[in-house]
Amino acid sequence: MRKPIITLFICVTMFLIACGNPMNDTANSANTSETTANMATDTAIEKTYDVKILDNKKDPTCGMPVTAGVSDTAHYKNKVIGFCATECKAEFLKNPEANIAAAELIK
């Protein structure tokens, strides 16, 4: 009679250890979501563009040379314009006519 009780106790203990605490699962789920979001953000940051595809020498918003690095692009009047940051692209798109001269387009 003792052996079945000990076996049952061991099985229940192992089950509880294997399943873990539901509060920990919620915390782990939140951490997993946060990690996944960070990975998506990191991936977006790592995306770069080859300068050869661009039709400009400088970021039209801040004046930074595109050879220093391009993190985003926009198409404007059949030209591919490179930007050092998405913020620069957003600023350019507010008034592209006023900013396009600063891009130093390649003819």
PDB file of N, CA and C in Angstrom:
ATOM      1  N   MET A   1       0.812  -1.191   0.000  1.00  0.00           N
ATOM      2  CA  MET A   1       0.000   0.000   0.000  1.00  0.00           C
ATOM      3  C   MET A   1       0.854   1.252   0.000  1.00  0.00           C
ATOM      4  N   ARG A   2       2.024   1.191   0.605  1.00  0.00           N
ATOM      5  CA  ARG A   2       2.897   2.356   0.669  1.00  0.00           C
ATOM      6  C   ARG A   2       3.497   2.723  -0.675  1.00  0.00           C
ATOM      7  N   LYS A   3       3.842   1.703  -1.475  1.00  0.00           N
ATOM      8  CA  LYS A   3       4.494   1.952  -2.753  1.00  0.00           C
ATOM      9  C   LYS A   3       3.609   2.762  -3.703  1.00  0.00           C
ATOM     10  N   PRO A   4       2.307   2.468  -3.856  1.00  0.00           N
ATOM     11  CA  PRO A   4       1.464   3.280  -4.748  1.00  0.00           C
ATOM     12  C   PRO A   4       1.345   4.737  -4.276  1.00  0.00           C
ATOM     13  N   ILE A   5       1.312   4.967  -2.990  1.00  0.00           N
ATOM     14  CA  ILE A   5       1.202   6.332  -2.471  1.00  0.00           C
ATOM     15  C   ILE A   5       2.483   7.107  -2.758  1.00  0.00           C
ATOM     16  N   ILE A   6       3.630   6.489  -2.557  1.00  0.00           N
ATOM     17  CA  ILE A   6       4.916   7.143  -2.832  1.00  0.00           C
ATOM     18  C   ILE A   6       5.034   7.429  -4.334  1.00  0.00           C
ATOM     19  N   THR A   7       4.636   6.466  -5.160  1.00  0.00           N
ATOM     20  CA  THR A   7       4.687   6.651  -6.613  1.00  0.00           C
ATOM     21  C   THR A   7       3.768   7.787  -7.038  1.00  0.00           C
ATOM     22  N   LEU A   8       2.566   7.841  -6.473  1.00  0.00           N
ATOM     23  CA  LEU A   8       1.625   8.913  -6.778  1.00  0.00           C
ATOM     24  C   LEU A   8       2.201  10.261  -6.342  1.00  0.00           C
ATOM     25  N   PHE A   9       2.799  10.331  -5.175  1.00  0.00           N
ATOM     26  CA  PHE A   9       3.404  11.563  -4.670  1.00  0.00           C
ATOM     27  C   PHE A   9       4.522  12.036  -5.616  1.00  0.00           C
ATOM     28  N   ILE A  10       5.356  11.119  -6.053  1.00  0.00           N
ATOM     29  CA  ILE A  10       6.451  11.466  -6.957  1.00  0.00           C
ATOM     30  C   ILE A  10       5.898  11.969  -8.299  1.00  0.00           C
ATOM     31  N   CYS A  11       4.871  11.297  -8.816  1.00  0.00           N
ATOM     32  CA  CYS A  11       4.279  11.708 -10.094  1.00  0.00           C
ATOM     33  C   CYS A  11       3.651  13.098  -9.995  1.00  0.00           C
ATOM     34  N   VAL A  12       2.917  13.348  -8.923  1.00  0.00           N
ATOM     35  CA  VAL A  12       2.291  14.662  -8.728  1.00  0.00           C
ATOM     36  C   VAL A  12       3.363  15.736  -8.582  1.00  0.00           C
ATOM     37  N   THR A  13       4.406  15.472  -7.846  1.00  0.00           N
ATOM     38  CA  THR A  13       5.499  16.431  -7.665  1.00  0.00           C
ATOM     39  C   THR A  13       6.163  16.746  -8.997  1.00  0.00           C
ATOM     40  N   MET A  14       6.444  15.707  -9.778  1.00  0.00           N
ATOM     41  CA  MET A  14       7.072  15.927 -11.085  1.00  0.00           C
ATOM     42  C   MET A  14       6.152  16.729 -12.004  1.00  0.00           C
ATOM     43  N   PHE A  15       4.853  16.444 -11.960  1.00  0.00           N
ATOM     44  CA  PHE A  15       3.893  17.175 -12.774  1.00  0.00           C
ATOM     45  C   PHE A  15       3.885  18.647 -12.404  1.00  0.00           C
ATOM     46  N   LEU A  16       3.869  18.933 -11.108  1.00  0.00           N
ATOM     47  CA  LEU A  16       3.850  20.331 -10.667  1.00  0.00           C
ATOM     48  C   LEU A  16       5.140  21.060 -11.037  1.00  0.00           C
ATOM     49  N   ILE A  17       6.257  20.390 -10.945  1.00  0.00           N
ATOM     50  CA  ILE A  17       7.540  20.999 -11.316  1.00  0.00           C
ATOM     51  C   ILE A  17       7.585  21.237 -12.824  1.00  0.00           C
ATOM     52  N   ALA A  18       7.127  20.267 -13.597  1.00  0.00           N
ATOM     53  CA  ALA A  18       7.168  20.377 -15.051  1.00  0.00           C
ATOM     54  C   ALA A  18       6.237  21.465 -15.560  1.00  0.00           C
ATOM     55  N   CYS A  19       5.087  21.590 -14.962  1.00  0.00           N
ATOM     56  CA  CYS A  19       4.120  22.592 -15.411  1.00  0.00           C
ATOM     57  C   CYS A  19       4.505  23.994 -14.962  1.00  0.00           C
ATOM     58  N   GLY A  20       5.163  24.093 -13.857  1.00  0.00           N
ATOM     59  CA  GLY A  20       5.565  25.404 -13.363  1.00  0.00           C
ATOM     60  C   GLY A  20       4.395  26.168 -12.786  1.00  0.00           C
ATOM     61  N   ASN A  21       4.699  27.333 -12.335  1.00  0.00           N
ATOM     62  CA  ASN A  21       3.709  28.213 -11.743  1.00  0.00           C
ATOM     63  C   ASN A  21       3.044  29.025 -12.853  1.00  0.00           C
ATOM     64  N   PRO A  22       1.698  29.090 -12.896  1.00  0.00           N
ATOM     65  CA  PRO A  22       1.033  29.868 -13.941  1.00  0.00           C
ATOM     66  C   PRO A  22       1.450  31.342 -13.950  1.00  0.00           C
ATOM     67  N   MET A  23       1.808  31.876 -12.818  1.00  0.00           N
ATOM     68  CA  MET A  23       2.251  33.273 -12.765  1.00  0.00           C
ATOM     69  C   MET A  23       3.567  33.429 -13.510  1.00  0.00           C
ATOM     70  N   ASN A  24       4.442  32.444 -13.396  1.00  0.00           N
ATOM     71  CA  ASN A  24       5.704  32.494 -14.122  1.00  0.00           C
ATOM     72  C   ASN A  24       5.485  32.367 -15.621  1.00  0.00           C
ATOM     73  N   ASP A  25       4.502  31.541 -16.036  1.00  0.00           N
ATOM     74  CA  ASP A  25       4.217  31.394 -17.458  1.00  0.00           C
ATOM     75  C   ASP A  25       3.747  32.719 -18.056  1.00  0.00           C
ATOM     76  N   THR A  26       2.940  33.473 -17.318  1.00  0.00           N
ATOM     77  CA  THR A  26       2.478  34.772 -17.797  1.00  0.00           C
ATOM     78  C   THR A  26       3.661  35.716 -17.943  1.00  0.00           C
ATOM     79  N   ALA A  27       4.540  35.730 -16.957  1.00  0.00           N
ATOM     80  CA  ALA A  27       5.719  36.593 -17.020  1.00  0.00           C
ATOM     81  C   ALA A  27       6.617  36.170 -18.171  1.00  0.00           C
ATOM     82  N   ASN A  28       6.805  34.869 -18.359  1.00  0.00           N
ATOM     83  CA  ASN A  28       7.631  34.385 -19.463  1.00  0.00           C
ATOM     84  C   ASN A  28       7.015  34.736 -20.800  1.00  0.00           C
ATOM     85  N   SER A  29       5.689  34.672 -20.892  1.00  0.00           N
ATOM     86  CA  SER A  29       5.009  35.023 -22.132  1.00  0.00           C
ATOM     87  C   SER A  29       5.237  36.501 -22.452  1.00  0.00           C
ATOM     88  N   ALA A  30       5.167  37.364 -21.443  1.00  0.00           N
ATOM     89  CA  ALA A  30       5.410  38.789 -21.644  1.00  0.00           C
ATOM     90  C   ALA A  30       6.850  39.023 -22.065  1.00  0.00           C
ATOM     91  N   ASN A  31       7.790  38.325 -21.439  1.00  0.00           N
ATOM     92  CA  ASN A  31       9.199  38.468 -21.811  1.00  0.00           C
ATOM     93  C   ASN A  31       9.444  37.985 -23.236  1.00  0.00           C
ATOM     94  N   THR A  32       8.771  36.903 -23.625  1.00  0.00           N
ATOM     95  CA  THR A  32       8.932  36.388 -24.978  1.00  0.00           C
ATOM     96  C   THR A  32       8.411  37.390 -25.992  1.00  0.00           C
ATOM     97  N   SER A  33       7.261  38.004 -25.705  1.00  0.00           N
ATOM     98  CA  SER A  33       6.707  39.008 -26.608  1.00  0.00           C
ATOM     99  C   SER A  33       7.636  40.198 -26.723  1.00  0.00           C
ATOM    100  N   GLU A  34       8.189  40.619 -25.598  1.00  0.00           N
ATOM    101  CA  GLU A  34       9.110  41.758 -25.606  1.00  0.00           C
ATOM    102  C   GLU A  34      10.374  41.414 -26.394  1.00  0.00           C
ATOM    103  N   THR A  35      10.888  40.218 -26.204  1.00  0.00           N
ATOM    104  CA  THR A  35      12.085  39.793 -26.935  1.00  0.00           C
ATOM    105  C   THR A  35      11.809  39.744 -28.433  1.00  0.00           C
ATOM    106  N   THR A  36      10.647  39.218 -28.813  1.00  0.00           N
ATOM    107  CA  THR A  36      10.285  39.160 -30.227  1.00  0.00           C
ATOM    108  C   THR A  36      10.178  40.554 -30.814  1.00  0.00           C
ATOM    109  N   ALA A  37       9.583  41.482 -30.070  1.00  0.00           N
ATOM    110  CA  ALA A  37       9.470  42.860 -30.538  1.00  0.00           C
ATOM    111  C   ALA A  37      10.847  43.490 -30.695  1.00  0.00           C
ATOM    112  N   ASN A  38      11.743  43.236 -29.749  1.00  0.00           N
ATOM    113  CA  ASN A  38      13.104  43.772 -29.847  1.00  0.00           C
ATOM    114  C   ASN A  38      13.830  43.189 -31.046  1.00  0.00           C
ATOM    115  N   MET A  39      13.628  41.909 -31.320  1.00  0.00           N
ATOM    116  CA  MET A  39      14.280  41.289 -32.469  1.00  0.00           C
ATOM    117  C   MET A  39      13.779  41.919 -33.761  1.00  0.00           C
ATOM    118  N   ALA A  40      12.474  42.194 -33.828  1.00  0.00           N
ATOM    119  CA  ALA A  40      11.923  42.830 -35.025  1.00  0.00           C
ATOM    120  C   ALA A  40      12.503  44.219 -35.202  1.00  0.00           C
ATOM    121  N   THR A  41      12.640  44.953 -34.123  1.00  0.00           N
ATOM    122  CA  THR A  41      13.217  46.290 -34.185  1.00  0.00           C
ATOM    123  C   THR A  41      14.670  46.218 -34.600  1.00  0.00           C
ATOM    124  N   ASP A  42      15.425  45.294 -34.024  1.00  0.00           N
ATOM    125  CA  ASP A  42      16.829  45.145 -34.378  1.00  0.00           C
ATOM    126  C   ASP A  42      16.986  44.785 -35.845  1.00  0.00           C
ATOM    127  N   THR A  43      16.113  43.950 -36.341  1.00  0.00           N
ATOM    128  CA  THR A  43      16.192  43.558 -37.742  1.00  0.00           C
ATOM    129  C   THR A  43      15.960  44.753 -38.645  1.00  0.00           C
ATOM    130  N   ALA A  44      14.984  45.580 -38.298  1.00  0.00           N
ATOM    131  CA  ALA A  44      14.712  46.767 -39.091  1.00  0.00           C
ATOM    132  C   ALA A  44      15.888  47.722 -39.080  1.00  0.00           C
ATOM    133  N   ILE A  45      16.571  47.831 -37.984  1.00  0.00           N
ATOM    134  CA  ILE A  45      17.709  48.728 -37.875  1.00  0.00           C
ATOM    135  C   ILE A  45      18.862  48.239 -38.733  1.00  0.00           C
ATOM    136  N   GLU A  46      19.037  46.937 -38.832  1.00  0.00           N
ATOM    137  CA  GLU A  46      20.155  46.374 -39.570  1.00  0.00           C
ATOM    138  C   GLU A  46      19.991  46.492 -41.083  1.00  0.00           C
ATOM    139  N   LYS A  47      18.816  46.820 -41.565  1.00  0.00           N
ATOM    140  CA  LYS A  47      18.582  46.906 -42.996  1.00  0.00           C
ATOM    141  C   LYS A  47      19.346  48.093 -43.566  1.00  0.00           C
ATOM    142  N   THR A  48      20.145  47.836 -44.566  1.00  0.00           N
ATOM    143  CA  THR A  48      20.918  48.891 -45.207  1.00  0.00           C
ATOM    144  C   THR A  48      20.699  48.837 -46.707  1.00  0.00           C
ATOM    145  N   TYR A  49      21.028  49.921 -47.364  1.00  0.00           N
ATOM    146  CA  TYR A  49      20.847  50.032 -48.807  1.00  0.00           C
ATOM    147  C   TYR A  49      22.186  50.311 -49.471  1.00  0.00           C
ATOM    148  N   ASP A  50      22.341  49.782 -50.653  1.00  0.00           N
ATOM    149  CA  ASP A  50      23.548  50.019 -51.430  1.00  0.00           C
ATOM    150  C   ASP A  50      23.475  51.424 -52.031  1.00  0.00           C
ATOM    151  N   VAL A  51      24.523  52.183 -51.901  1.00  0.00           N
ATOM    152  CA  VAL A  51      24.572  53.560 -52.379  1.00  0.00           C
ATOM    153  C   VAL A  51      24.397  53.609 -53.899  1.00  0.00           C
ATOM    154  N   LYS A  52      24.737  52.548 -54.592  1.00  0.00           N
ATOM    155  CA  LYS A  52      24.652  52.513 -56.050  1.00  0.00           C
ATOM    156  C   LYS A  52      23.223  52.664 -56.569  1.00  0.00           C
ATOM    157  N   ILE A  53      22.227  52.306 -55.760  1.00  0.00           N
ATOM    158  CA  ILE A  53      20.841  52.398 -56.215  1.00  0.00           C
ATOM    159  C   ILE A  53      20.257  53.788 -56.007  1.00  0.00           C
ATOM    160  N   LEU A  54      20.973  54.659 -55.327  1.00  0.00           N
ATOM    161  CA  LEU A  54      20.446  55.974 -54.979  1.00  0.00           C
ATOM    162  C   LEU A  54      20.729  57.011 -56.057  1.00  0.00           C
ATOM    163  N   ASP A  55      19.855  57.992 -56.125  1.00  0.00           N
ATOM    164  CA  ASP A  55      20.016  59.088 -57.070  1.00  0.00           C
ATOM    165  C   ASP A  55      20.438  60.380 -56.378  1.00  0.00           C
ATOM    166  N   ASN A  56      20.860  60.293 -55.127  1.00  0.00           N
ATOM    167  CA  ASN A  56      21.293  61.490 -54.410  1.00  0.00           C
ATOM    168  C   ASN A  56      22.627  61.256 -53.718  1.00  0.00           C
ATOM    169  N   LYS A  57      23.362  62.355 -53.505  1.00  0.00           N
ATOM    170  CA  LYS A  57      24.657  62.294 -52.826  1.00  0.00           C
ATOM    171  C   LYS A  57      24.523  62.562 -51.335  1.00  0.00           C
ATOM    172  N   LYS A  58      23.518  63.380 -50.953  1.00  0.00           N
ATOM    173  CA  LYS A  58      23.330  63.765 -49.556  1.00  0.00           C
ATOM    174  C   LYS A  58      21.888  63.542 -49.129  1.00  0.00           C
ATOM    175  N   ASP A  59      21.716  63.314 -47.841  1.00  0.00           N
ATOM    176  CA  ASP A  59      20.375  63.260 -47.261  1.00  0.00           C
ATOM    177  C   ASP A  59      19.782  64.654 -47.428  1.00  0.00           C
ATOM    178  N   PRO A  60      18.640  64.788 -48.117  1.00  0.00           N
ATOM    179  CA  PRO A  60      18.102  66.117 -48.384  1.00  0.00           C
ATOM    180  C   PRO A  60      17.607  66.858 -47.140  1.00  0.00           C
ATOM    181  N   THR A  61      17.409  66.165 -46.049  1.00  0.00           N
ATOM    182  CA  THR A  61      16.904  66.803 -44.842  1.00  0.00           C
ATOM    183  C   THR A  61      18.027  67.326 -43.957  1.00  0.00           C
ATOM    184  N   CYS A  62      19.032  66.496 -43.702  1.00  0.00           N
ATOM    185  CA  CYS A  62      20.089  66.894 -42.772  1.00  0.00           C
ATOM    186  C   CYS A  62      21.433  67.157 -43.448  1.00  0.00           C
ATOM    187  N   GLY A  63      21.579  66.767 -44.725  1.00  0.00           N
ATOM    188  CA  GLY A  63      22.806  67.024 -45.454  1.00  0.00           C
ATOM    189  C   GLY A  63      23.898  65.981 -45.264  1.00  0.00           C
ATOM    190  N   MET A  64      23.611  64.922 -44.564  1.00  0.00           N
ATOM    191  CA  MET A  64      24.607  63.871 -44.335  1.00  0.00           C
ATOM    192  C   MET A  64      24.884  63.127 -45.650  1.00  0.00           C
ATOM    193  N   PRO A  65      26.144  62.877 -45.978  1.00  0.00           N
ATOM    194  CA  PRO A  65      26.447  62.133 -47.208  1.00  0.00           C
ATOM    195  C   PRO A  65      25.866  60.720 -47.138  1.00  0.00           C
ATOM    196  N   VAL A  66      25.281  60.260 -48.231  1.00  0.00           N
ATOM    197  CA  VAL A  66      24.681  58.920 -48.229  1.00  0.00           C
ATOM    198  C   VAL A  66      25.743  57.834 -48.138  1.00  0.00           C
ATOM    199  N   THR A  67      26.997  58.159 -48.437  1.00  0.00           N
ATOM    200  CA  THR A  67      28.067  57.172 -48.303  1.00  0.00           C
ATOM    201  C   THR A  67      28.327  56.810 -46.840  1.00  0.00           C
ATOM    202  N   ALA A  68      27.838  57.637 -45.908  1.00  0.00           N
ATOM    203  CA  ALA A  68      28.004  57.358 -44.472  1.00  0.00           C
ATOM    204  C   ALA A  68      27.010  56.305 -43.993  1.00  0.00           C
ATOM    205  N   GLY A  69      25.974  56.046 -44.777  1.00  0.00           N
ATOM    206  CA  GLY A  69      24.988  55.032 -44.402  1.00  0.00           C
ATOM    207  C   GLY A  69      23.581  55.485 -44.698  1.00  0.00           C
ATOM    208  N   VAL A  70      22.788  54.580 -45.206  1.00  0.00           N
ATOM    209  CA  VAL A  70      21.399  54.863 -45.560  1.00  0.00           C
ATOM    210  C   VAL A  70      20.520  53.851 -44.845  1.00  0.00           C
ATOM    211  N   SER A  71      19.531  54.341 -44.107  1.00  0.00           N
ATOM    212  CA  SER A  71      18.644  53.417 -43.402  1.00  0.00           C
ATOM    213  C   SER A  71      17.235  53.394 -43.976  1.00  0.00           C
ATOM    214  N   ASP A  72      16.916  54.324 -44.898  1.00  0.00           N
ATOM    215  CA  ASP A  72      15.584  54.342 -45.494  1.00  0.00           C
ATOM    216  C   ASP A  72      15.651  55.046 -46.841  1.00  0.00           C
ATOM    217  N   THR A  73      14.677  54.754 -47.693  1.00  0.00           N
ATOM    218  CA  THR A  73      14.621  55.380 -49.012  1.00  0.00           C
ATOM    219  C   THR A  73      13.196  55.815 -49.320  1.00  0.00           C
ATOM    220  N   ALA A  74      13.079  56.681 -50.325  1.00  0.00           N
ATOM    221  CA  ALA A  74      11.773  57.094 -50.829  1.00  0.00           C
ATOM    222  C   ALA A  74      11.903  57.290 -52.335  1.00  0.00           C
ATOM    223  N   HIS A  75      10.834  57.073 -53.040  1.00  0.00           N
ATOM    224  CA  HIS A  75      10.799  57.335 -54.478  1.00  0.00           C
ATOM    225  C   HIS A  75      10.142  58.693 -54.677  1.00  0.00           C
ATOM    226  N   TYR A  76      10.817  59.551 -55.427  1.00  0.00           N
ATOM    227  CA  TYR A  76      10.290  60.884 -55.688  1.00  0.00           C
ATOM    228  C   TYR A  76      10.643  61.272 -57.107  1.00  0.00           C
ATOM    229  N   LYS A  77       9.637  61.512 -57.935  1.00  0.00           N
ATOM    230  CA  LYS A  77       9.808  61.887 -59.333  1.00  0.00           C
ATOM    231  C   LYS A  77      10.781  60.944 -60.045  1.00  0.00           C
ATOM    232  N   ASN A  78      10.510  59.655 -59.973  1.00  0.00           N
ATOM    233  CA  ASN A  78      11.305  58.609 -60.618  1.00  0.00           C
ATOM    234  C   ASN A  78      12.751  58.566 -60.134  1.00  0.00           C
ATOM    235  N   LYS A  79      13.013  59.040 -58.952  1.00  0.00           N
ATOM    236  CA  LYS A  79      14.339  58.993 -58.341  1.00  0.00           C
ATOM    237  C   LYS A  79      14.244  58.235 -57.028  1.00  0.00           C
ATOM    238  N   VAL A  80      15.310  57.523 -56.686  1.00  0.00           N
ATOM    239  CA  VAL A  80      15.395  56.842 -55.393  1.00  0.00           C
ATOM    240  C   VAL A  80      16.252  57.729 -54.495  1.00  0.00           C
ATOM    241  N   ILE A  81      15.621  58.265 -53.454  1.00  0.00           N
ATOM    242  CA  ILE A  81      16.291  59.182 -52.536  1.00  0.00           C
ATOM    243  C   ILE A  81      16.610  58.431 -51.248  1.00  0.00           C
ATOM    244  N   GLY A  82      17.875  58.488 -50.821  1.00  0.00           N
ATOM    245  CA  GLY A  82      18.308  57.817 -49.604  1.00  0.00           C
ATOM    246  C   GLY A  82      18.336  58.763 -48.414  1.00  0.00           C
ATOM    247  N   PHE A  83      18.037  58.225 -47.242  1.00  0.00           N
ATOM    248  CA  PHE A  83      18.005  59.001 -45.999  1.00  0.00           C
ATOM    249  C   PHE A  83      18.800  58.279 -44.918  1.00  0.00           C
ATOM    250  N   CYS A  84      19.434  59.048 -44.046  1.00  0.00           N
ATOM    251  CA  CYS A  84      20.220  58.455 -42.963  1.00  0.00           C
ATOM    252  C   CYS A  84      19.325  57.890 -41.860  1.00  0.00           C
ATOM    253  N   ALA A  85      18.097  58.381 -41.758  1.00  0.00           N
ATOM    254  CA  ALA A  85      17.178  57.920 -40.703  1.00  0.00           C
ATOM    255  C   ALA A  85      15.740  58.058 -41.187  1.00  0.00           C
ATOM    256  N   THR A  86      14.843  57.289 -40.596  1.00  0.00           N
ATOM    257  CA  THR A  86      13.430  57.374 -40.972  1.00  0.00           C
ATOM    258  C   THR A  86      12.845  58.733 -40.614  1.00  0.00           C
ATOM    259  N   GLU A  87      13.398  59.369 -39.592  1.00  0.00           N
ATOM    260  CA  GLU A  87      12.928  60.714 -39.211  1.00  0.00           C
ATOM    261  C   GLU A  87      13.231  61.721 -40.314  1.00  0.00           C
ATOM    262  N   CYS A  88      14.398  61.584 -40.938  1.00  0.00           N
ATOM    263  CA  CYS A  88      14.758  62.473 -42.044  1.00  0.00           C
ATOM    264  C   CYS A  88      13.815  62.250 -43.226  1.00  0.00           C
ATOM    265  N   LYS A  89      13.479  61.000 -43.491  1.00  0.00           N
ATOM    266  CA  LYS A  89      12.545  60.694 -44.578  1.00  0.00           C
ATOM    267  C   LYS A  89      11.184  61.319 -44.296  1.00  0.00           C
ATOM    268  N   ALA A  90      10.695  61.173 -43.070  1.00  0.00           N
ATOM    269  CA  ALA A  90       9.394  61.736 -42.703  1.00  0.00           C
ATOM    270  C   ALA A  90       9.387  63.251 -42.873  1.00  0.00           C
ATOM    271  N   GLU A  91      10.473  63.904 -42.475  1.00  0.00           N
ATOM    272  CA  GLU A  91      10.582  65.357 -42.614  1.00  0.00           C
ATOM    273  C   GLU A  91      10.598  65.751 -44.089  1.00  0.00           C
ATOM    274  N   PHE A  92      11.322  64.997 -44.908  1.00  0.00           N
ATOM    275  CA  PHE A  92      11.397  65.265 -46.345  1.00  0.00           C
ATOM    276  C   PHE A  92      10.015  65.158 -46.982  1.00  0.00           C
ATOM    277  N   LEU A  93       9.271  64.117 -46.621  1.00  0.00           N
ATOM    278  CA  LEU A  93       7.969  63.872 -47.235  1.00  0.00           C
ATOM    279  C   LEU A  93       6.926  64.923 -46.882  1.00  0.00           C
ATOM    280  N   LYS A  94       7.164  65.695 -45.840  1.00  0.00           N
ATOM    281  CA  LYS A  94       6.239  66.781 -45.498  1.00  0.00           C
ATOM    282  C   LYS A  94       6.244  67.862 -46.578  1.00  0.00           C
ATOM    283  N   ASN A  95       7.426  68.117 -47.168  1.00  0.00           N
ATOM    284  CA  ASN A  95       7.548  69.138 -48.200  1.00  0.00           C
ATOM    285  C   ASN A  95       8.719  68.784 -49.126  1.00  0.00           C
ATOM    286  N   PRO A  96       8.531  67.807 -50.005  1.00  0.00           N
ATOM    287  CA  PRO A  96       9.642  67.340 -50.831  1.00  0.00           C
ATOM    288  C   PRO A  96      10.174  68.393 -51.803  1.00  0.00           C
ATOM    289  N   GLU A  97       9.313  69.232 -52.349  1.00  0.00           N
ATOM    290  CA  GLU A  97       9.766  70.256 -53.297  1.00  0.00           C
ATOM    291  C   GLU A  97      10.776  71.201 -52.663  1.00  0.00           C
ATOM    292  N   ALA A  98      10.574  71.545 -51.409  1.00  0.00           N
ATOM    293  CA  ALA A  98      11.480  72.469 -50.727  1.00  0.00           C
ATOM    294  C   ALA A  98      12.798  71.803 -50.361  1.00  0.00           C
ATOM    295  N   ASN A  99      12.803  70.504 -50.169  1.00  0.00           N
ATOM    296  CA  ASN A  99      13.997  69.800 -49.697  1.00  0.00           C
ATOM    297  C   ASN A  99      14.807  69.111 -50.787  1.00  0.00           C
ATOM    298  N   ILE A 100      14.252  68.929 -51.975  1.00  0.00           N
ATOM    299  CA  ILE A 100      14.930  68.122 -52.992  1.00  0.00           C
ATOM    300  C   ILE A 100      16.238  68.751 -53.476  1.00  0.00           C
ATOM    301  N   ALA A 101      16.357  70.049 -53.480  1.00  0.00           N
ATOM    302  CA  ALA A 101      17.586  70.720 -53.948  1.00  0.00           C
ATOM    303  C   ALA A 101      18.775  70.343 -53.071  1.00  0.00           C
ATOM    304  N   ALA A 102      18.566  70.115 -51.794  1.00  0.00           N
ATOM    305  CA  ALA A 102      19.653  69.777 -50.864  1.00  0.00           C
ATOM    306  C   ALA A 102      20.154  68.353 -51.064  1.00  0.00           C
ATOM    307  N   ALA A 103      19.456  67.552 -51.846  1.00  0.00           N
ATOM    308  CA  ALA A 103      19.818  66.154 -52.048  1.00  0.00           C
ATOM    309  C   ALA A 103      21.033  66.002 -52.957  1.00  0.00           C
ATOM    310  N   GLU A 104      21.367  67.006 -53.713  1.00  0.00           N
ATOM    311  CA  GLU A 104      22.450  66.929 -54.705  1.00  0.00           C
ATOM    312  C   GLU A 104      22.248  65.692 -55.573  1.00  0.00           C
ATOM    313  N   LEU A 105      21.229  65.743 -56.404  1.00  0.00           N
ATOM    314  CA  LEU A 105      20.903  64.613 -57.271  1.00  0.00           C
ATOM    315  C   LEU A 105      22.023  64.315 -58.244  1.00  0.00           C
ATOM    316  N   ILE A 106      22.205  63.038 -58.500  1.00  0.00           N
ATOM    317  CA  ILE A 106      23.184  62.576 -59.476  1.00  0.00           C
ATOM    318  C   ILE A 106      22.503  62.625 -60.841  1.00  0.00           C
ATOM    319  N   LYS A 107      23.105  63.259 -61.795  1.00  0.00           N
ATOM    320  CA  LYS A 107      22.487  63.409 -63.125  1.00  0.00           C
ATOM    321  C   LYS A 107      22.641  62.158 -63.940  1.00  0.00           C
TER     322      LYS A 107
END
